[in-house]
Amino acid sequence: MEPTWHDGLSRSALVQLVEGLLTAIDRTVPKLDAVAHHLGLLSQQSEEFEVVGGVADQVADMSDELYAASDRERLREWGNAIDTPDKAH
């Protein structure tokens, strides 16, 4: 029987979950970057759109945070560190 980790999920189920989340992030980051870029361009059109520049910066920050959270090497290291028999429930 495969050991279980968080909430009774097996390791293979957790791997599938993480892979699905990473795929979603991979699809989301470029879209957020495009939104931030277009909002930035819009904010340059006139003074009344200056506030849009702040929104563009926030969207770009969210994109950067998602990208950083999807660092495969760091996730692999973390997974290997917890993938020991004493960590399984």
C-alpha atoms as a PDB file:
ATOM      1  CA  MET A   1       0.000   0.000   0.000  1.00  0.00           C
ATOM      2  CA  GLU A   2       1.315   3.430  -0.952  1.00  0.00           C
ATOM      3  CA  PRO A   3       1.966   5.705   2.051  1.00  0.00           C
ATOM      4  CA  THR A   4      -0.218   8.748   2.374  1.00  0.00           C
ATOM      5  CA  TRP A   5       0.770  12.310   3.109  1.00  0.00           C
ATOM      6  CA  HIS A   6      -1.506  15.293   3.603  1.00  0.00           C
ATOM      7  CA  ASP A   7      -5.220  14.530   4.050  1.00  0.00           C
ATOM      8  CA  GLY A   8      -4.757  10.911   3.088  1.00  0.00           C
ATOM      9  CA  LEU A   9      -3.645  11.643  -0.474  1.00  0.00           C
ATOM     10  CA  SER A  10      -1.133   9.225  -1.916  1.00  0.00           C
ATOM     11  CA  ARG A  11       2.165  10.488  -3.244  1.00  0.00           C
ATOM     12  CA  SER A  12       1.074   9.869  -6.828  1.00  0.00           C
ATOM     13  CA  ALA A  13      -2.136  11.850  -6.238  1.00  0.00           C
ATOM     14  CA  LEU A  14      -0.104  14.724  -4.788  1.00  0.00           C
ATOM     15  CA  VAL A  15       2.259  14.630  -7.765  1.00  0.00           C
ATOM     16  CA  GLN A  16      -0.696  14.792 -10.164  1.00  0.00           C
ATOM     17  CA  LEU A  17      -2.179  17.673  -8.201  1.00  0.00           C
ATOM     18  CA  VAL A  18       1.076  19.644  -8.240  1.00  0.00           C
ATOM     19  CA  GLU A  19       1.610  18.944 -11.949  1.00  0.00           C
ATOM     20  CA  GLY A  20      -1.895  20.236 -12.671  1.00  0.00           C
ATOM     21  CA  LEU A  21      -1.278  23.380 -10.633  1.00  0.00           C
ATOM     22  CA  LEU A  22       2.056  23.998 -12.358  1.00  0.00           C
ATOM     23  CA  THR A  23       0.429  23.604 -15.765  1.00  0.00           C
ATOM     24  CA  ALA A  24      -2.207  26.155 -14.770  1.00  0.00           C
ATOM     25  CA  ILE A  25       0.509  28.546 -13.600  1.00  0.00           C
ATOM     26  CA  ASP A  26       2.432  28.050 -16.859  1.00  0.00           C
ATOM     27  CA  ARG A  27      -0.663  29.116 -18.779  1.00  0.00           C
ATOM     28  CA  THR A  28      -1.529  32.000 -16.446  1.00  0.00           C
ATOM     29  CA  VAL A  29       1.794  33.827 -16.124  1.00  0.00           C
ATOM     30  CA  PRO A  30       2.087  34.877 -19.800  1.00  0.00           C
ATOM     31  CA  LYS A  31      -1.525  36.068 -19.781  1.00  0.00           C
ATOM     32  CA  LEU A  32      -0.951  38.149 -16.656  1.00  0.00           C
ATOM     33  CA  ASP A  33       2.191  39.610 -18.219  1.00  0.00           C
ATOM     34  CA  ALA A  34       0.200  40.590 -21.322  1.00  0.00           C
ATOM     35  CA  VAL A  35      -2.538  42.185 -19.206  1.00  0.00           C
ATOM     36  CA  ALA A  36       0.049  44.152 -17.223  1.00  0.00           C
ATOM     37  CA  HIS A  37       1.718  45.310 -20.440  1.00  0.00           C
ATOM     38  CA  HIS A  38      -1.536  46.503 -22.010  1.00  0.00           C
ATOM     39  CA  LEU A  39      -2.647  48.232 -18.820  1.00  0.00           C
ATOM     40  CA  GLY A  40       0.734  49.956 -18.688  1.00  0.00           C
ATOM     41  CA  LEU A  41       0.285  51.190 -22.243  1.00  0.00           C
ATOM     42  CA  LEU A  42      -3.215  52.404 -21.433  1.00  0.00           C
ATOM     43  CA  SER A  43      -1.938  54.297 -18.394  1.00  0.00           C
ATOM     44  CA  GLN A  44       0.413  56.272 -20.642  1.00  0.00           C
ATOM     45  CA  GLN A  45      -2.442  57.638 -22.773  1.00  0.00           C
ATOM     46  CA  SER A  46      -3.509  60.415 -20.440  1.00  0.00           C
ATOM     47  CA  GLU A  47      -3.419  61.584 -16.832  1.00  0.00           C
ATOM     48  CA  GLU A  48      -6.891  60.252 -16.142  1.00  0.00           C
ATOM     49  CA  PHE A  49      -5.571  56.730 -16.734  1.00  0.00           C
ATOM     50  CA  GLU A  50      -2.625  57.035 -14.322  1.00  0.00           C
ATOM     51  CA  VAL A  51      -4.351  54.817 -11.768  1.00  0.00           C
ATOM     52  CA  VAL A  52      -4.302  52.029 -14.348  1.00  0.00           C
ATOM     53  CA  GLY A  53      -0.507  52.091 -14.115  1.00  0.00           C
ATOM     54  CA  GLY A  54      -0.763  51.071 -10.465  1.00  0.00           C
ATOM     55  CA  VAL A  55      -3.059  48.213 -11.416  1.00  0.00           C
ATOM     56  CA  ALA A  56      -0.593  47.176 -14.120  1.00  0.00           C
ATOM     57  CA  ASP A  57       2.183  47.058 -11.511  1.00  0.00           C
ATOM     58  CA  GLN A  58       0.052  44.910  -9.206  1.00  0.00           C
ATOM     59  CA  VAL A  59      -0.785  42.476 -12.005  1.00  0.00           C
ATOM     60  CA  ALA A  60       2.907  42.250 -12.914  1.00  0.00           C
ATOM     61  CA  ASP A  61       3.762  41.565  -9.250  1.00  0.00           C
ATOM     62  CA  MET A  62       1.185  38.754  -9.110  1.00  0.00           C
ATOM     63  CA  SER A  63       2.672  37.253 -12.254  1.00  0.00           C
ATOM     64  CA  ASP A  64       6.174  37.396 -10.761  1.00  0.00           C
ATOM     65  CA  GLU A  65       4.992  35.737  -7.545  1.00  0.00           C
ATOM     66  CA  LEU A  66       3.285  32.927  -9.445  1.00  0.00           C
ATOM     67  CA  TYR A  67       6.367  32.390 -11.573  1.00  0.00           C
ATOM     68  CA  ALA A  68       8.598  32.237  -8.500  1.00  0.00           C
ATOM     69  CA  ALA A  69       6.224  29.776  -6.817  1.00  0.00           C
ATOM     70  CA  SER A  70       6.455  27.451  -9.800  1.00  0.00           C
ATOM     71  CA  ASP A  71      10.240  26.983  -9.578  1.00  0.00           C
ATOM     72  CA  ARG A  72      10.483  23.295 -10.528  1.00  0.00           C
ATOM     73  CA  GLU A  73      13.946  22.787  -9.068  1.00  0.00           C
ATOM     74  CA  ARG A  74      12.955  24.213  -5.694  1.00  0.00           C
ATOM     75  CA  LEU A  75       9.786  22.123  -5.658  1.00  0.00           C
ATOM     76  CA  ARG A  76      11.781  19.010  -6.566  1.00  0.00           C
ATOM     77  CA  GLU A  77      14.222  19.663  -3.716  1.00  0.00           C
ATOM     78  CA  TRP A  78      11.331  20.221  -1.303  1.00  0.00           C
ATOM     79  CA  GLY A  79       9.609  17.045  -2.471  1.00  0.00           C
ATOM     80  CA  ASN A  80      12.788  15.004  -2.082  1.00  0.00           C
ATOM     81  CA  ALA A  81      13.336  16.408   1.399  1.00  0.00           C
ATOM     82  CA  ILE A  82       9.906  15.271   2.594  1.00  0.00           C
ATOM     83  CA  ASP A  83       9.890  12.036   0.593  1.00  0.00           C
ATOM     84  CA  THR A  84      11.263   9.896   3.379  1.00  0.00           C
ATOM     85  CA  PRO A  85       9.470   7.076   5.204  1.00  0.00           C
ATOM     86  CA  ASP A  86       9.475   8.980   8.510  1.00  0.00           C
ATOM     87  CA  LYS A  87       7.483  11.831   6.852  1.00  0.00           C
ATOM     88  CA  ALA A  88       4.658   9.554   5.653  1.00  0.00           C
ATOM     89  CA  HIS A  89       1.673   9.019   7.908  1.00  0.00           C
END
